Every structure is written in C-alpha cells, then in structure tokens.
Amino acid sequence: MLELRPNCECCDRDLAPDSRDAMMCSFECTYCADCATNTLKGICPNCGGELVRRPVRPAGKLINNPASTKRVLKAEGCQPVKAA
C-alpha cells in the first residue's frame, strides 16, 4: 500500500492525500507537480525513475488506511536538471 507521503521532498510543500498535485516515482519519492515538472523535468533525483501523478486514496479508505505523517525532505533541496 502506498504511504502517501505528506510533503514535497524538494520544497516541503504540503501534499494532502487527495492532492492531484502530488507526483511520485516507483520508490514513492514524492514531489509537488511544480518541482517535478520545472525543477526535476519528470525524473526522480534519487533513483532516476519517471515521476508520475500519485493516485488519490478515497477519503473513506483513509479511516482504516491513513496516509503517512512522516515528512521526507532533502536538506539541500533539489538541484535543477540540466538540459541534455
């Protein structure tokens, strides 16, 4: 089951479990859409994987399967991906 991490690892923006602005890789590294698109160019800086929109867990399912409250944040933020 997905953790549904509560924040962007780059800028620490809050990302609610129902946010359509949350992006993630296959390892669940989580970013806001702005950082994922503009800073990271759709590539996870941790694993090199593709960043895709995180699915939304229905509110009724959060009662028994709550989202994570553990914040993950890169102390140095994310470095912009350079054009190839």
N, C-alpha and C. Protein backbone atom coordinates (compact mmCIF):
# COMPACT_ATOMS: atom_id res chain seq x y z
N MET A 1 0.84 -1.17 0.00
CA MET A 1 0.00 0.00 0.00
C MET A 1 0.89 1.24 0.00
N LEU A 2 0.51 2.24 -0.77
CA LEU A 2 1.28 3.48 -0.85
C LEU A 2 1.27 4.24 0.47
N GLU A 3 2.39 4.84 0.80
CA GLU A 3 2.50 5.63 2.03
C GLU A 3 1.71 6.93 1.95
N LEU A 4 1.61 7.51 0.77
CA LEU A 4 1.01 8.84 0.59
C LEU A 4 1.73 9.84 1.49
N ARG A 5 2.99 10.07 1.18
CA ARG A 5 3.81 10.99 1.96
C ARG A 5 3.21 12.40 1.95
N PRO A 6 3.35 13.13 3.05
CA PRO A 6 2.63 14.39 3.23
C PRO A 6 3.26 15.65 2.66
N ASN A 7 4.44 15.52 2.00
CA ASN A 7 5.11 16.75 1.54
C ASN A 7 6.00 16.48 0.35
N CYS A 8 6.38 17.58 -0.30
CA CYS A 8 7.35 17.54 -1.40
C CYS A 8 8.74 17.44 -0.81
N GLU A 9 9.54 16.50 -1.32
CA GLU A 9 10.91 16.33 -0.82
C GLU A 9 11.81 17.50 -1.17
N CYS A 10 11.45 18.28 -2.18
CA CYS A 10 12.29 19.41 -2.60
C CYS A 10 11.97 20.68 -1.82
N CYS A 11 10.70 21.10 -1.86
CA CYS A 11 10.33 22.42 -1.32
C CYS A 11 9.52 22.33 -0.02
N ASP A 12 9.19 21.13 0.43
CA ASP A 12 8.43 20.89 1.66
C ASP A 12 6.98 21.35 1.59
N ARG A 13 6.46 21.57 0.40
CA ARG A 13 5.04 21.93 0.24
C ARG A 13 4.17 20.79 0.75
N ASP A 14 3.11 21.12 1.48
CA ASP A 14 2.17 20.12 1.96
C ASP A 14 1.45 19.49 0.78
N LEU A 15 1.29 18.16 0.83
CA LEU A 15 0.58 17.41 -0.20
C LEU A 15 -0.43 16.50 0.50
N ALA A 16 -1.67 16.91 0.52
CA ALA A 16 -2.73 16.15 1.16
C ALA A 16 -2.94 14.82 0.44
N PRO A 17 -3.51 13.82 1.11
CA PRO A 17 -3.75 12.53 0.47
C PRO A 17 -4.61 12.62 -0.79
N ASP A 18 -5.44 13.65 -0.88
CA ASP A 18 -6.31 13.80 -2.06
C ASP A 18 -5.76 14.81 -3.07
N SER A 19 -4.50 15.21 -2.90
CA SER A 19 -3.90 16.20 -3.79
C SER A 19 -3.66 15.60 -5.17
N ARG A 20 -4.06 16.33 -6.19
CA ARG A 20 -3.79 15.93 -7.57
C ARG A 20 -2.48 16.56 -8.05
N ASP A 21 -1.80 17.28 -7.16
CA ASP A 21 -0.52 17.90 -7.49
C ASP A 21 0.66 17.08 -6.98
N ALA A 22 0.41 15.91 -6.42
CA ALA A 22 1.49 15.06 -5.91
C ALA A 22 2.00 14.15 -7.02
N MET A 23 3.32 14.10 -7.15
CA MET A 23 3.97 13.23 -8.14
C MET A 23 4.89 12.29 -7.38
N MET A 24 5.12 11.10 -7.93
CA MET A 24 5.97 10.12 -7.26
C MET A 24 6.66 9.21 -8.26
N CYS A 25 7.73 8.54 -7.80
CA CYS A 25 8.41 7.53 -8.60
C CYS A 25 8.01 6.16 -8.06
N SER A 26 8.58 5.11 -8.61
CA SER A 26 8.21 3.76 -8.18
C SER A 26 8.70 3.42 -6.77
N PHE A 27 9.60 4.24 -6.21
CA PHE A 27 10.06 4.06 -4.83
C PHE A 27 9.30 4.96 -3.86
N GLU A 28 8.30 5.66 -4.36
CA GLU A 28 7.44 6.57 -3.59
C GLU A 28 8.12 7.87 -3.18
N CYS A 29 9.25 8.21 -3.78
CA CYS A 29 9.80 9.55 -3.58
C CYS A 29 8.70 10.49 -4.06
N THR A 30 8.42 11.54 -3.31
CA THR A 30 7.24 12.36 -3.56
C THR A 30 7.62 13.83 -3.74
N TYR A 31 7.02 14.44 -4.76
CA TYR A 31 7.29 15.83 -5.12
C TYR A 31 6.00 16.52 -5.52
N CYS A 32 5.96 17.83 -5.37
CA CYS A 32 4.83 18.59 -5.88
C CYS A 32 4.96 18.66 -7.40
N ALA A 33 3.87 18.91 -8.09
CA ALA A 33 3.88 18.96 -9.55
C ALA A 33 4.84 20.03 -10.06
N ASP A 34 4.93 21.17 -9.36
CA ASP A 34 5.81 22.25 -9.79
C ASP A 34 7.27 21.81 -9.78
N CYS A 35 7.73 21.23 -8.67
CA CYS A 35 9.11 20.77 -8.58
C CYS A 35 9.37 19.62 -9.56
N ALA A 36 8.43 18.67 -9.63
CA ALA A 36 8.60 17.52 -10.52
C ALA A 36 8.73 17.95 -11.97
N THR A 37 7.94 18.93 -12.38
CA THR A 37 7.94 19.36 -13.77
C THR A 37 9.05 20.36 -14.08
N ASN A 38 9.12 21.42 -13.30
CA ASN A 38 10.04 22.52 -13.62
C ASN A 38 11.46 22.30 -13.15
N THR A 39 11.64 21.76 -11.96
CA THR A 39 12.99 21.58 -11.42
C THR A 39 13.58 20.24 -11.84
N LEU A 40 12.78 19.19 -11.73
CA LEU A 40 13.30 17.84 -11.95
C LEU A 40 13.05 17.29 -13.36
N LYS A 41 12.27 18.00 -14.13
CA LYS A 41 11.98 17.60 -15.53
C LYS A 41 11.44 16.18 -15.63
N GLY A 42 10.64 15.77 -14.61
CA GLY A 42 9.97 14.47 -14.65
C GLY A 42 10.82 13.28 -14.26
N ILE A 43 12.03 13.53 -13.73
CA ILE A 43 12.94 12.44 -13.36
C ILE A 43 13.27 12.52 -11.87
N CYS A 44 13.12 11.41 -11.16
CA CYS A 44 13.43 11.37 -9.73
C CYS A 44 14.93 11.54 -9.53
N PRO A 45 15.35 12.49 -8.69
CA PRO A 45 16.79 12.69 -8.45
C PRO A 45 17.41 11.58 -7.59
N ASN A 46 16.59 10.79 -6.94
CA ASN A 46 17.09 9.71 -6.08
C ASN A 46 17.37 8.43 -6.87
N CYS A 47 16.43 8.04 -7.73
CA CYS A 47 16.56 6.76 -8.42
C CYS A 47 16.64 6.87 -9.94
N GLY A 48 16.38 8.05 -10.47
CA GLY A 48 16.40 8.23 -11.92
C GLY A 48 15.13 7.78 -12.61
N GLY A 49 14.15 7.37 -11.82
CA GLY A 49 12.89 6.90 -12.38
C GLY A 49 11.95 8.02 -12.80
N GLU A 50 10.94 7.65 -13.53
CA GLU A 50 9.92 8.59 -14.02
C GLU A 50 9.02 9.05 -12.87
N LEU A 51 8.69 10.32 -12.87
CA LEU A 51 7.74 10.86 -11.90
C LEU A 51 6.37 10.93 -12.56
N VAL A 52 5.39 10.33 -11.90
CA VAL A 52 4.01 10.30 -12.41
C VAL A 52 3.06 10.79 -11.32
N ARG A 53 1.83 11.15 -11.71
CA ARG A 53 0.86 11.63 -10.72
C ARG A 53 0.54 10.51 -9.72
N ARG A 54 0.56 10.88 -8.45
CA ARG A 54 0.24 9.92 -7.40
C ARG A 54 -1.26 9.69 -7.37
N PRO A 55 -1.70 8.45 -7.25
CA PRO A 55 -3.14 8.21 -7.15
C PRO A 55 -3.73 8.78 -5.86
N VAL A 56 -5.00 9.09 -5.91
CA VAL A 56 -5.71 9.63 -4.75
C VAL A 56 -6.40 8.48 -4.03
N ARG A 57 -6.23 8.42 -2.71
CA ARG A 57 -6.94 7.42 -1.91
C ARG A 57 -8.27 8.03 -1.48
N PRO A 58 -9.38 7.36 -1.75
CA PRO A 58 -10.69 7.91 -1.36
C PRO A 58 -10.75 8.19 0.15
N ALA A 59 -11.41 9.28 0.51
CA ALA A 59 -11.49 9.71 1.91
C ALA A 59 -11.99 8.60 2.83
N GLY A 60 -12.95 7.84 2.39
CA GLY A 60 -13.50 6.75 3.21
C GLY A 60 -12.48 5.66 3.50
N LYS A 61 -11.51 5.49 2.65
CA LYS A 61 -10.47 4.47 2.86
C LYS A 61 -9.34 4.97 3.75
N LEU A 62 -9.24 6.29 3.93
CA LEU A 62 -8.20 6.84 4.79
C LEU A 62 -8.45 6.54 6.27
N ILE A 63 -9.68 6.23 6.62
CA ILE A 63 -10.01 5.94 8.02
C ILE A 63 -9.24 4.72 8.51
N ASN A 64 -9.26 3.65 7.74
CA ASN A 64 -8.55 2.42 8.13
C ASN A 64 -7.16 2.32 7.52
N ASN A 65 -6.87 3.16 6.53
CA ASN A 65 -5.58 3.14 5.84
C ASN A 65 -5.07 4.57 5.71
N PRO A 66 -4.66 5.18 6.81
CA PRO A 66 -4.27 6.59 6.79
C PRO A 66 -2.99 6.85 6.01
N ALA A 67 -2.86 8.06 5.53
CA ALA A 67 -1.65 8.50 4.86
C ALA A 67 -0.52 8.65 5.88
N SER A 68 0.69 8.60 5.41
CA SER A 68 1.86 8.77 6.27
C SER A 68 1.90 10.21 6.82
N THR A 69 2.46 10.36 7.99
CA THR A 69 2.67 11.69 8.56
C THR A 69 4.17 11.99 8.63
N LYS A 70 5.01 11.04 8.20
CA LYS A 70 6.47 11.21 8.22
C LYS A 70 6.90 12.06 7.03
N ARG A 71 7.47 13.20 7.32
CA ARG A 71 7.94 14.11 6.28
C ARG A 71 9.35 13.73 5.85
N VAL A 72 9.57 13.71 4.54
CA VAL A 72 10.88 13.44 3.96
C VAL A 72 11.28 14.71 3.22
N LEU A 73 12.46 15.23 3.53
CA LEU A 73 12.89 16.49 2.92
C LEU A 73 14.38 16.47 2.68
N LYS A 74 14.78 16.85 1.49
CA LYS A 74 16.19 16.98 1.17
C LYS A 74 16.69 18.28 1.81
N ALA A 75 17.63 18.19 2.71
CA ALA A 75 18.14 19.38 3.40
C ALA A 75 18.65 20.43 2.43
N GLU A 76 19.22 19.99 1.33
CA GLU A 76 19.78 20.92 0.33
C GLU A 76 18.79 21.24 -0.78
N GLY A 77 17.56 20.73 -0.68
CA GLY A 77 16.58 20.93 -1.74
C GLY A 77 16.95 20.10 -2.95
N CYS A 78 16.33 20.36 -4.07
CA CYS A 78 16.61 19.63 -5.30
C CYS A 78 17.34 20.54 -6.29
N GLN A 79 18.33 19.98 -6.91
CA GLN A 79 19.07 20.73 -7.92
C GLN A 79 18.34 20.61 -9.26
N PRO A 80 18.22 21.69 -10.00
CA PRO A 80 17.56 21.64 -11.31
C PRO A 80 18.29 20.67 -12.25
N VAL A 81 17.50 19.93 -13.03
CA VAL A 81 18.06 19.03 -14.02
C VAL A 81 18.50 19.88 -15.20
N LYS A 82 19.72 19.64 -15.64
CA LYS A 82 20.28 20.41 -16.77
C LYS A 82 19.80 19.81 -18.08
N ALA A 83 19.55 20.68 -19.04
CA ALA A 83 19.12 20.24 -20.36
C ALA A 83 20.21 19.38 -21.00
N ALA A 84 19.78 18.34 -21.68
CA ALA A 84 20.74 17.42 -22.31
C ALA A 84 21.25 17.98 -23.62
